[in-house]
Amino acid sequence: MSTDTNAATAAFATERGALPLRRLTLIGIAGSETARRALLRTPAGEIVPVSVGDAVRQAKVVAISDNALTLASRNGTATVMRLPARDAIRPAA
């Protein structure tokens, strides 16, 4: 396995303003349809893996699809966090 990072990936990973840093952000989803996990970035900069049923802040992960994560708050409010569309990611210049 190579540890080299291709130029496009490096450019995306270091682009200023690409992620909202002051709020919880969905940065990735992996796994099979029956065993999905998501990666969240906290406002403190921590990367946290989560699964359905996990607590996140004052909410609970209730669903993870191939492109979104749904949180339910204690009062029943649902928040859907989506990954950006692939065509929304622009290649490095």
PDB file of N, CA and C in Angstrom:
ATOM      1  N   MET A   1       0.841  -1.170   0.000  1.00  0.00           N
ATOM      2  CA  MET A   1       0.000   0.000   0.000  1.00  0.00           C
ATOM      3  C   MET A   1       0.891   1.239   0.000  1.00  0.00           C
ATOM      4  N   SER A   2       0.550   2.185  -0.833  1.00  0.00           N
ATOM      5  CA  SER A   2       1.319   3.418  -0.932  1.00  0.00           C
ATOM      6  C   SER A   2       0.834   4.429   0.104  1.00  0.00           C
ATOM      7  N   THR A   3       1.758   5.194   0.640  1.00  0.00           N
ATOM      8  CA  THR A   3       1.384   6.261   1.575  1.00  0.00           C
ATOM      9  C   THR A   3       1.402   7.621   0.891  1.00  0.00           C
ATOM     10  N   ASP A   4       1.710   7.647  -0.409  1.00  0.00           N
ATOM     11  CA  ASP A   4       1.712   8.894  -1.162  1.00  0.00           C
ATOM     12  C   ASP A   4       0.284   9.370  -1.385  1.00  0.00           C
ATOM     13  N   THR A   5       0.083  10.663  -1.340  1.00  0.00           N
ATOM     14  CA  THR A   5      -1.222  11.265  -1.585  1.00  0.00           C
ATOM     15  C   THR A   5      -1.196  11.906  -2.955  1.00  0.00           C
ATOM     16  N   ASN A   6      -2.191  11.566  -3.805  1.00  0.00           N
ATOM     17  CA  ASN A   6      -2.178  12.166  -5.139  1.00  0.00           C
ATOM     18  C   ASN A   6      -2.488  13.664  -5.039  1.00  0.00           C
ATOM     19  N   ALA A   7      -2.140  14.389  -6.058  1.00  0.00           N
ATOM     20  CA  ALA A   7      -2.233  15.854  -6.037  1.00  0.00           C
ATOM     21  C   ALA A   7      -3.662  16.346  -5.832  1.00  0.00           C
ATOM     22  N   ALA A   8      -4.641  15.713  -6.477  1.00  0.00           N
ATOM     23  CA  ALA A   8      -6.036  16.157  -6.343  1.00  0.00           C
ATOM     24  C   ALA A   8      -6.526  15.976  -4.910  1.00  0.00           C
ATOM     25  N   THR A   9      -6.212  14.842  -4.298  1.00  0.00           N
ATOM     26  CA  THR A   9      -6.626  14.590  -2.924  1.00  0.00           C
ATOM     27  C   THR A   9      -5.965  15.590  -1.981  1.00  0.00           C
ATOM     28  N   ALA A  10      -4.691  15.836  -2.178  1.00  0.00           N
ATOM     29  CA  ALA A  10      -3.974  16.797  -1.338  1.00  0.00           C
ATOM     30  C   ALA A  10      -4.578  18.192  -1.471  1.00  0.00           C
ATOM     31  N   ALA A  11      -4.957  18.576  -2.683  1.00  0.00           N
ATOM     32  CA  ALA A  11      -5.541  19.899  -2.897  1.00  0.00           C
ATOM     33  C   ALA A  11      -6.887  20.023  -2.186  1.00  0.00           C
ATOM     34  N   PHE A  12      -7.739  18.996  -2.287  1.00  0.00           N
ATOM     35  CA  PHE A  12      -9.038  19.017  -1.615  1.00  0.00           C
ATOM     36  C   PHE A  12      -8.861  19.054  -0.107  1.00  0.00           C
ATOM     37  N   ALA A  13      -7.907  18.291   0.408  1.00  0.00           N
ATOM     38  CA  ALA A  13      -7.710  18.175   1.856  1.00  0.00           C
ATOM     39  C   ALA A  13      -7.174  19.452   2.481  1.00  0.00           C
ATOM     40  N   THR A  14      -6.561  20.295   1.694  1.00  0.00           N
ATOM     41  CA  THR A  14      -5.964  21.510   2.246  1.00  0.00           C
ATOM     42  C   THR A  14      -6.651  22.792   1.765  1.00  0.00           C
ATOM     43  N   GLU A  15      -7.783  22.662   1.096  1.00  0.00           N
ATOM     44  CA  GLU A  15      -8.495  23.830   0.593  1.00  0.00           C
ATOM     45  C   GLU A  15      -9.127  24.612   1.746  1.00  0.00           C
ATOM     46  N   ARG A  16      -8.816  25.890   1.839  1.00  0.00           N
ATOM     47  CA  ARG A  16      -9.377  26.734   2.895  1.00  0.00           C
ATOM     48  C   ARG A  16     -10.875  26.921   2.674  1.00  0.00           C
ATOM     49  N   GLY A  17     -11.619  26.851   3.769  1.00  0.00           N
ATOM     50  CA  GLY A  17     -13.047  27.096   3.706  1.00  0.00           C
ATOM     51  C   GLY A  17     -13.877  25.941   3.173  1.00  0.00           C
ATOM     52  N   ALA A  18     -13.272  24.794   2.952  1.00  0.00           N
ATOM     53  CA  ALA A  18     -14.019  23.660   2.392  1.00  0.00           C
ATOM     54  C   ALA A  18     -14.992  23.055   3.392  1.00  0.00           C
ATOM     55  N   LEU A  19     -14.658  23.104   4.682  1.00  0.00           N
ATOM     56  CA  LEU A  19     -15.525  22.574   5.734  1.00  0.00           C
ATOM     57  C   LEU A  19     -15.900  23.687   6.705  1.00  0.00           C
ATOM     58  N   PRO A  20     -17.150  23.668   7.166  1.00  0.00           N
ATOM     59  CA  PRO A  20     -17.517  24.619   8.220  1.00  0.00           C
ATOM     60  C   PRO A  20     -16.882  24.145   9.534  1.00  0.00           C
ATOM     61  N   LEU A  21     -15.887  24.838  10.017  1.00  0.00           N
ATOM     62  CA  LEU A  21     -15.098  24.373  11.149  1.00  0.00           C
ATOM     63  C   LEU A  21     -15.746  24.614  12.501  1.00  0.00           C
ATOM     64  N   ARG A  22     -16.762  25.443  12.578  1.00  0.00           N
ATOM     65  CA  ARG A  22     -17.360  25.793  13.871  1.00  0.00           C
ATOM     66  C   ARG A  22     -18.624  25.002  14.189  1.00  0.00           C
ATOM     67  N   ARG A  23     -18.895  23.964  13.395  1.00  0.00           N
ATOM     68  CA  ARG A  23     -20.064  23.130  13.686  1.00  0.00           C
ATOM     69  C   ARG A  23     -19.760  21.675  13.358  1.00  0.00           C
ATOM     70  N   LEU A  24     -20.622  20.791  13.806  1.00  0.00           N
ATOM     71  CA  LEU A  24     -20.488  19.371  13.533  1.00  0.00           C
ATOM     72  C   LEU A  24     -20.652  19.146  12.035  1.00  0.00           C
ATOM     73  N   THR A  25     -19.732  18.392  11.425  1.00  0.00           N
ATOM     74  CA  THR A  25     -19.737  18.205   9.981  1.00  0.00           C
ATOM     75  C   THR A  25     -19.579  16.740   9.629  1.00  0.00           C
ATOM     76  N   LEU A  26     -20.390  16.268   8.694  1.00  0.00           N
ATOM     77  CA  LEU A  26     -20.255  14.913   8.165  1.00  0.00           C
ATOM     78  C   LEU A  26     -19.136  14.918   7.134  1.00  0.00           C
ATOM     79  N   ILE A  27     -18.125  14.074   7.343  1.00  0.00           N
ATOM     80  CA  ILE A  27     -17.008  14.070   6.396  1.00  0.00           C
ATOM     81  C   ILE A  27     -16.836  12.757   5.649  1.00  0.00           C
ATOM     82  N   GLY A  28     -17.553  11.705   6.049  1.00  0.00           N
ATOM     83  CA  GLY A  28     -17.433  10.457   5.315  1.00  0.00           C
ATOM     84  C   GLY A  28     -18.403   9.395   5.798  1.00  0.00           C
ATOM     85  N   ILE A  29     -18.718   8.459   4.890  1.00  0.00           N
ATOM     86  CA  ILE A  29     -19.572   7.316   5.194  1.00  0.00           C
ATOM     87  C   ILE A  29     -18.931   6.087   4.570  1.00  0.00           C
ATOM     88  N   ALA A  30     -18.908   4.984   5.329  1.00  0.00           N
ATOM     89  CA  ALA A  30     -18.307   3.749   4.820  1.00  0.00           C
ATOM     90  C   ALA A  30     -19.101   2.556   5.339  1.00  0.00           C
ATOM     91  N   GLY A  31     -18.854   1.420   4.734  1.00  0.00           N
ATOM     92  CA  GLY A  31     -19.484   0.192   5.184  1.00  0.00           C
ATOM     93  C   GLY A  31     -20.578  -0.267   4.246  1.00  0.00           C
ATOM     94  N   SER A  32     -21.126  -1.430   4.568  1.00  0.00           N
ATOM     95  CA  SER A  32     -22.186  -2.013   3.755  1.00  0.00           C
ATOM     96  C   SER A  32     -23.532  -1.407   4.132  1.00  0.00           C
ATOM     97  N   GLU A  33     -24.544  -1.721   3.366  1.00  0.00           N
ATOM     98  CA  GLU A  33     -25.880  -1.178   3.618  1.00  0.00           C
ATOM     99  C   GLU A  33     -26.385  -1.539   5.014  1.00  0.00           C
ATOM    100  N   THR A  34     -25.977  -2.692   5.520  1.00  0.00           N
ATOM    101  CA  THR A  34     -26.447  -3.135   6.836  1.00  0.00           C
ATOM    102  C   THR A  34     -25.491  -2.797   7.977  1.00  0.00           C
ATOM    103  N   ALA A  35     -24.326  -2.269   7.658  1.00  0.00           N
ATOM    104  CA  ALA A  35     -23.341  -1.958   8.704  1.00  0.00           C
ATOM    105  C   ALA A  35     -22.585  -0.678   8.381  1.00  0.00           C
ATOM    106  N   ARG A  36     -23.312   0.395   8.139  1.00  0.00           N
ATOM    107  CA  ARG A  36     -22.665   1.669   7.801  1.00  0.00           C
ATOM    108  C   ARG A  36     -22.147   2.366   9.043  1.00  0.00           C
ATOM    109  N   ARG A  37     -21.049   3.098   8.837  1.00  0.00           N
ATOM    110  CA  ARG A  37     -20.478   3.977   9.861  1.00  0.00           C
ATOM    111  C   ARG A  37     -20.226   5.319   9.184  1.00  0.00           C
ATOM    112  N   ALA A  38     -20.219   6.350   9.991  1.00  0.00           N
ATOM    113  CA  ALA A  38     -19.967   7.693   9.474  1.00  0.00           C
ATOM    114  C   ALA A  38     -18.842   8.324  10.271  1.00  0.00           C
ATOM    115  N   LEU A  39     -18.174   9.278   9.647  1.00  0.00           N
ATOM    116  CA  LEU A  39     -17.149  10.067  10.327  1.00  0.00           C
ATOM    117  C   LEU A  39     -17.654  11.493  10.449  1.00  0.00           C
ATOM    118  N   LEU A  40     -17.628  11.991  11.677  1.00  0.00           N
ATOM    119  CA  LEU A  40     -18.026  13.365  11.953  1.00  0.00           C
ATOM    120  C   LEU A  40     -16.816  14.147  12.438  1.00  0.00           C
ATOM    121  N   ARG A  41     -16.747  15.406  12.045  1.00  0.00           N
ATOM    122  CA  ARG A  41     -15.718  16.301  12.559  1.00  0.00           C
ATOM    123  C   ARG A  41     -16.400  17.253  13.521  1.00  0.00           C
ATOM    124  N   THR A  42     -15.906  17.297  14.750  1.00  0.00           N
ATOM    125  CA  THR A  42     -16.484  18.177  15.770  1.00  0.00           C
ATOM    126  C   THR A  42     -15.917  19.587  15.615  1.00  0.00           C
ATOM    127  N   PRO A  43     -16.563  20.574  16.220  1.00  0.00           N
ATOM    128  CA  PRO A  43     -16.015  21.935  16.189  1.00  0.00           C
ATOM    129  C   PRO A  43     -14.621  22.015  16.830  1.00  0.00           C
ATOM    130  N   ALA A  44     -14.286  21.059  17.703  1.00  0.00           N
ATOM    131  CA  ALA A  44     -12.960  21.031  18.330  1.00  0.00           C
ATOM    132  C   ALA A  44     -11.912  20.386  17.428  1.00  0.00           C
ATOM    133  N   GLY A  45     -12.330  19.889  16.260  1.00  0.00           N
ATOM    134  CA  GLY A  45     -11.393  19.295  15.319  1.00  0.00           C
ATOM    135  C   GLY A  45     -11.225  17.798  15.461  1.00  0.00           C
ATOM    136  N   GLU A  46     -11.974  17.172  16.371  1.00  0.00           N
ATOM    137  CA  GLU A  46     -11.882  15.721  16.538  1.00  0.00           C
ATOM    138  C   GLU A  46     -12.649  15.023  15.422  1.00  0.00           C
ATOM    139  N   ILE A  47     -12.131  13.880  14.968  1.00  0.00           N
ATOM    140  CA  ILE A  47     -12.829  13.035  14.015  1.00  0.00           C
ATOM    141  C   ILE A  47     -13.411  11.875  14.810  1.00  0.00           C
ATOM    142  N   VAL A  48     -14.741  11.732  14.755  1.00  0.00           N
ATOM    143  CA  VAL A  48     -15.438  10.757  15.580  1.00  0.00           C
ATOM    144  C   VAL A  48     -16.194   9.767  14.687  1.00  0.00           C
ATOM    145  N   PRO A  49     -15.877   8.457  14.791  1.00  0.00           N
ATOM    146  CA  PRO A  49     -16.670   7.469  14.052  1.00  0.00           C
ATOM    147  C   PRO A  49     -17.966   7.185  14.800  1.00  0.00           C
ATOM    148  N   VAL A  50     -19.077   7.083  14.073  1.00  0.00           N
ATOM    149  CA  VAL A  50     -20.370   6.811  14.691  1.00  0.00           C
ATOM    150  C   VAL A  50     -21.140   5.768  13.893  1.00  0.00           C
ATOM    151  N   SER A  51     -22.049   5.083  14.591  1.00  0.00           N
ATOM    152  CA  SER A  51     -22.970   4.116  13.991  1.00  0.00           C
ATOM    153  C   SER A  51     -24.378   4.466  14.449  1.00  0.00           C
ATOM    154  N   VAL A  52     -25.371   3.851  13.823  1.00  0.00           N
ATOM    155  CA  VAL A  52     -26.756   4.055  14.246  1.00  0.00           C
ATOM    156  C   VAL A  52     -26.871   3.646  15.715  1.00  0.00           C
ATOM    157  N   GLY A  53     -27.519   4.505  16.483  1.00  0.00           N
ATOM    158  CA  GLY A  53     -27.700   4.260  17.910  1.00  0.00           C
ATOM    159  C   GLY A  53     -26.730   5.031  18.789  1.00  0.00           C
ATOM    160  N   ASP A  54     -25.644   5.540  18.212  1.00  0.00           N
ATOM    161  CA  ASP A  54     -24.662   6.292  18.994  1.00  0.00           C
ATOM    162  C   ASP A  54     -25.188   7.681  19.366  1.00  0.00           C
ATOM    163  N   ALA A  55     -24.773   8.139  20.540  1.00  0.00           N
ATOM    164  CA  ALA A  55     -25.106   9.497  20.981  1.00  0.00           C
ATOM    165  C   ALA A  55     -24.083  10.475  20.420  1.00  0.00           C
ATOM    166  N   VAL A  56     -24.571  11.594  19.943  1.00  0.00           N
ATOM    167  CA  VAL A  56     -23.721  12.670  19.426  1.00  0.00           C
ATOM    168  C   VAL A  56     -24.260  13.966  19.993  1.00  0.00           C
ATOM    169  N   ARG A  57     -23.464  14.574  20.884  1.00  0.00           N
ATOM    170  CA  ARG A  57     -23.921  15.786  21.582  1.00  0.00           C
ATOM    171  C   ARG A  57     -25.234  15.483  22.279  1.00  0.00           C
ATOM    172  N   GLN A  58     -26.272  16.246  21.988  1.00  0.00           N
ATOM    173  CA  GLN A  58     -27.584  16.063  22.621  1.00  0.00           C
ATOM    174  C   GLN A  58     -28.534  15.290  21.715  1.00  0.00           C
ATOM    175  N   ALA A  59     -28.008  14.491  20.797  1.00  0.00           N
ATOM    176  CA  ALA A  59     -28.835  13.777  19.827  1.00  0.00           C
ATOM    177  C   ALA A  59     -28.364  12.329  19.687  1.00  0.00           C
ATOM    178  N   LYS A  60     -29.100  11.580  18.869  1.00  0.00           N
ATOM    179  CA  LYS A  60     -28.795  10.180  18.627  1.00  0.00           C
ATOM    180  C   LYS A  60     -28.775   9.937  17.127  1.00  0.00           C
ATOM    181  N   VAL A  61     -27.808   9.157  16.646  1.00  0.00           N
ATOM    182  CA  VAL A  61     -27.751   8.785  15.233  1.00  0.00           C
ATOM    183  C   VAL A  61     -28.875   7.784  14.989  1.00  0.00           C
ATOM    184  N   VAL A  62     -29.831   8.144  14.117  1.00  0.00           N
ATOM    185  CA  VAL A  62     -30.961   7.255  13.858  1.00  0.00           C
ATOM    186  C   VAL A  62     -30.911   6.613  12.475  1.00  0.00           C
ATOM    187  N   ALA A  63     -30.084   7.147  11.574  1.00  0.00           N
ATOM    188  CA  ALA A  63     -29.969   6.558  10.241  1.00  0.00           C
ATOM    189  C   ALA A  63     -28.678   7.017   9.578  1.00  0.00           C
ATOM    190  N   ILE A  64     -28.104   6.112   8.784  1.00  0.00           N
ATOM    191  CA  ILE A  64     -26.956   6.442   7.944  1.00  0.00           C
ATOM    192  C   ILE A  64     -27.221   5.808   6.577  1.00  0.00           C
ATOM    193  N   SER A  65     -27.322   6.638   5.547  1.00  0.00           N
ATOM    194  CA  SER A  65     -27.517   6.140   4.188  1.00  0.00           C
ATOM    195  C   SER A  65     -26.192   6.238   3.452  1.00  0.00           C
ATOM    196  N   ASP A  66     -26.208   6.035   2.152  1.00  0.00           N
ATOM    197  CA  ASP A  66     -24.963   6.113   1.397  1.00  0.00           C
ATOM    198  C   ASP A  66     -24.448   7.534   1.255  1.00  0.00           C
ATOM    199  N   ASN A  67     -25.297   8.558   1.524  1.00  0.00           N
ATOM    200  CA  ASN A  67     -24.835   9.943   1.383  1.00  0.00           C
ATOM    201  C   ASN A  67     -25.311  10.896   2.478  1.00  0.00           C
ATOM    202  N   ALA A  68     -25.903  10.340   3.557  1.00  0.00           N
ATOM    203  CA  ALA A  68     -26.423  11.221   4.605  1.00  0.00           C
ATOM    204  C   ALA A  68     -26.478  10.517   5.956  1.00  0.00           C
ATOM    205  N   LEU A  69     -26.502  11.333   6.999  1.00  0.00           N
ATOM    206  CA  LEU A  69     -26.641  10.849   8.373  1.00  0.00           C
ATOM    207  C   LEU A  69     -27.787  11.637   8.997  1.00  0.00           C
ATOM    208  N   THR A  70     -28.657  10.952   9.742  1.00  0.00           N
ATOM    209  CA  THR A  70     -29.777  11.623  10.398  1.00  0.00           C
ATOM    210  C   THR A  70     -29.613  11.529  11.901  1.00  0.00           C
ATOM    211  N   LEU A  71     -29.692  12.697  12.548  1.00  0.00           N
ATOM    212  CA  LEU A  71     -29.652  12.798  14.005  1.00  0.00           C
ATOM    213  C   LEU A  71     -31.038  13.157  14.514  1.00  0.00           C
ATOM    214  N   ALA A  72     -31.452  12.559  15.636  1.00  0.00           N
ATOM    215  CA  ALA A  72     -32.707  12.924  16.279  1.00  0.00           C
ATOM    216  C   ALA A  72     -32.382  13.504  17.646  1.00  0.00           C
ATOM    217  N   SER A  73     -32.889  14.707  17.903  1.00  0.00           N
ATOM    218  CA  SER A  73     -32.647  15.339  19.201  1.00  0.00           C
ATOM    219  C   SER A  73     -33.618  14.771  20.226  1.00  0.00           C
ATOM    220  N   ARG A  74     -33.390  15.097  21.470  1.00  0.00           N
ATOM    221  CA  ARG A  74     -34.266  14.609  22.544  1.00  0.00           C
ATOM    222  C   ARG A  74     -35.700  15.093  22.393  1.00  0.00           C
ATOM    223  N   ASN A  75     -35.885  16.249  21.778  1.00  0.00           N
ATOM    224  CA  ASN A  75     -37.246  16.773  21.598  1.00  0.00           C
ATOM    225  C   ASN A  75     -37.904  16.266  20.316  1.00  0.00           C
ATOM    226  N   GLY A  76     -37.218  15.371  19.587  1.00  0.00           N
ATOM    227  CA  GLY A  76     -37.793  14.761  18.392  1.00  0.00           C
ATOM    228  C   GLY A  76     -37.452  15.440  17.085  1.00  0.00           C
ATOM    229  N   THR A  77     -36.710  16.532  17.135  1.00  0.00           N
ATOM    230  CA  THR A  77     -36.311  17.222  15.915  1.00  0.00           C
ATOM    231  C   THR A  77     -35.238  16.421  15.184  1.00  0.00           C
ATOM    232  N   ALA A  78     -35.433  16.223  13.887  1.00  0.00           N
ATOM    233  CA  ALA A  78     -34.451  15.484  13.088  1.00  0.00           C
ATOM    234  C   ALA A  78     -33.571  16.458  12.308  1.00  0.00           C
ATOM    235  N   THR A  79     -32.291  16.142  12.250  1.00  0.00           N
ATOM    236  CA  THR A  79     -31.333  16.916  11.467  1.00  0.00           C
ATOM    237  C   THR A  79     -30.651  15.966  10.492  1.00  0.00           C
ATOM    238  N   VAL A  80     -30.700  16.290   9.206  1.00  0.00           N
ATOM    239  CA  VAL A  80     -30.055  15.469   8.192  1.00  0.00           C
ATOM    240  C   VAL A  80     -28.779  16.166   7.750  1.00  0.00           C
ATOM    241  N   MET A  81     -27.676  15.448   7.851  1.00  0.00           N
ATOM    242  CA  MET A  81     -26.378  15.958   7.399  1.00  0.00           C
ATOM    243  C   MET A  81     -26.023  15.197   6.133  1.00  0.00           C
ATOM    244  N   ARG A  82     -25.760  15.902   5.044  1.00  0.00           N
ATOM    245  CA  ARG A  82     -25.473  15.258   3.754  1.00  0.00           C
ATOM    246  C   ARG A  82     -24.017  15.467   3.337  1.00  0.00           C
ATOM    247  N   LEU A  83     -23.505  14.459   2.649  1.00  0.00           N
ATOM    248  CA  LEU A  83     -22.196  14.617   2.011  1.00  0.00           C
ATOM    249  C   LEU A  83     -22.391  15.496   0.783  1.00  0.00           C
ATOM    250  N   PRO A  84     -21.383  16.253   0.392  1.00  0.00           N
ATOM    251  CA  PRO A  84     -21.528  17.051  -0.828  1.00  0.00           C
ATOM    252  C   PRO A  84     -21.638  16.137  -2.045  1.00  0.00           C
ATOM    253  N   ALA A  85     -22.392  16.567  -3.037  1.00  0.00           N
ATOM    254  CA  ALA A  85     -22.502  15.800  -4.282  1.00  0.00           C
ATOM    255  C   ALA A  85     -21.133  15.712  -4.925  1.00  0.00           C
ATOM    256  N   ARG A  86     -20.856  14.579  -5.546  1.00  0.00           N
ATOM    257  CA  ARG A  86     -19.542  14.392  -6.179  1.00  0.00           C
ATOM    258  C   ARG A  86     -19.231  15.466  -7.205  1.00  0.00           C
ATOM    259  N   ASP A  87     -20.248  15.919  -7.924  1.00  0.00           N
ATOM    260  CA  ASP A  87     -19.995  16.948  -8.930  1.00  0.00           C
ATOM    261  C   ASP A  87     -19.796  18.330  -8.313  1.00  0.00           C
ATOM    262  N   ALA A  88     -20.072  18.472  -7.024  1.00  0.00           N
ATOM    263  CA  ALA A  88     -19.843  19.745  -6.336  1.00  0.00           C
ATOM    264  C   ALA A  88     -18.372  19.919  -5.953  1.00  0.00           C
ATOM    265  N   ILE A  89     -17.623  18.812  -5.992  1.00  0.00           N
ATOM    266  CA  ILE A  89     -16.202  18.872  -5.656  1.00  0.00           C
ATOM    267  C   ILE A  89     -15.439  19.201  -6.915  1.00  0.00           C
ATOM    268  N   ARG A  90     -14.795  20.321  -6.897  1.00  0.00           N
ATOM    269  CA  ARG A  90     -14.095  20.741  -8.112  1.00  0.00           C
ATOM    270  C   ARG A  90     -12.648  20.272  -8.097  1.00  0.00           C
ATOM    271  N   PRO A  91     -12.140  19.873  -9.247  1.00  0.00           N
ATOM    272  CA  PRO A  91     -10.753  19.413  -9.314  1.00  0.00           C
ATOM    273  C   PRO A  91      -9.756  20.540  -9.054  1.00  0.00           C
ATOM    274  N   ALA A  92      -8.589  20.156  -8.605  1.00  0.00           N
ATOM    275  CA  ALA A  92      -7.531  21.139  -8.343  1.00  0.00           C
ATOM    276  C   ALA A  92      -7.110  21.805  -9.644  1.00  0.00           C
ATOM    277  N   ALA A  93      -6.823  23.087  -9.558  1.00  0.00           N
ATOM    278  CA  ALA A  93      -6.404  23.834 -10.748  1.00  0.00           C
ATOM    279  C   ALA A  93      -4.938  23.633 -11.011  1.00  0.00           C
TER     280      ALA A  93
END
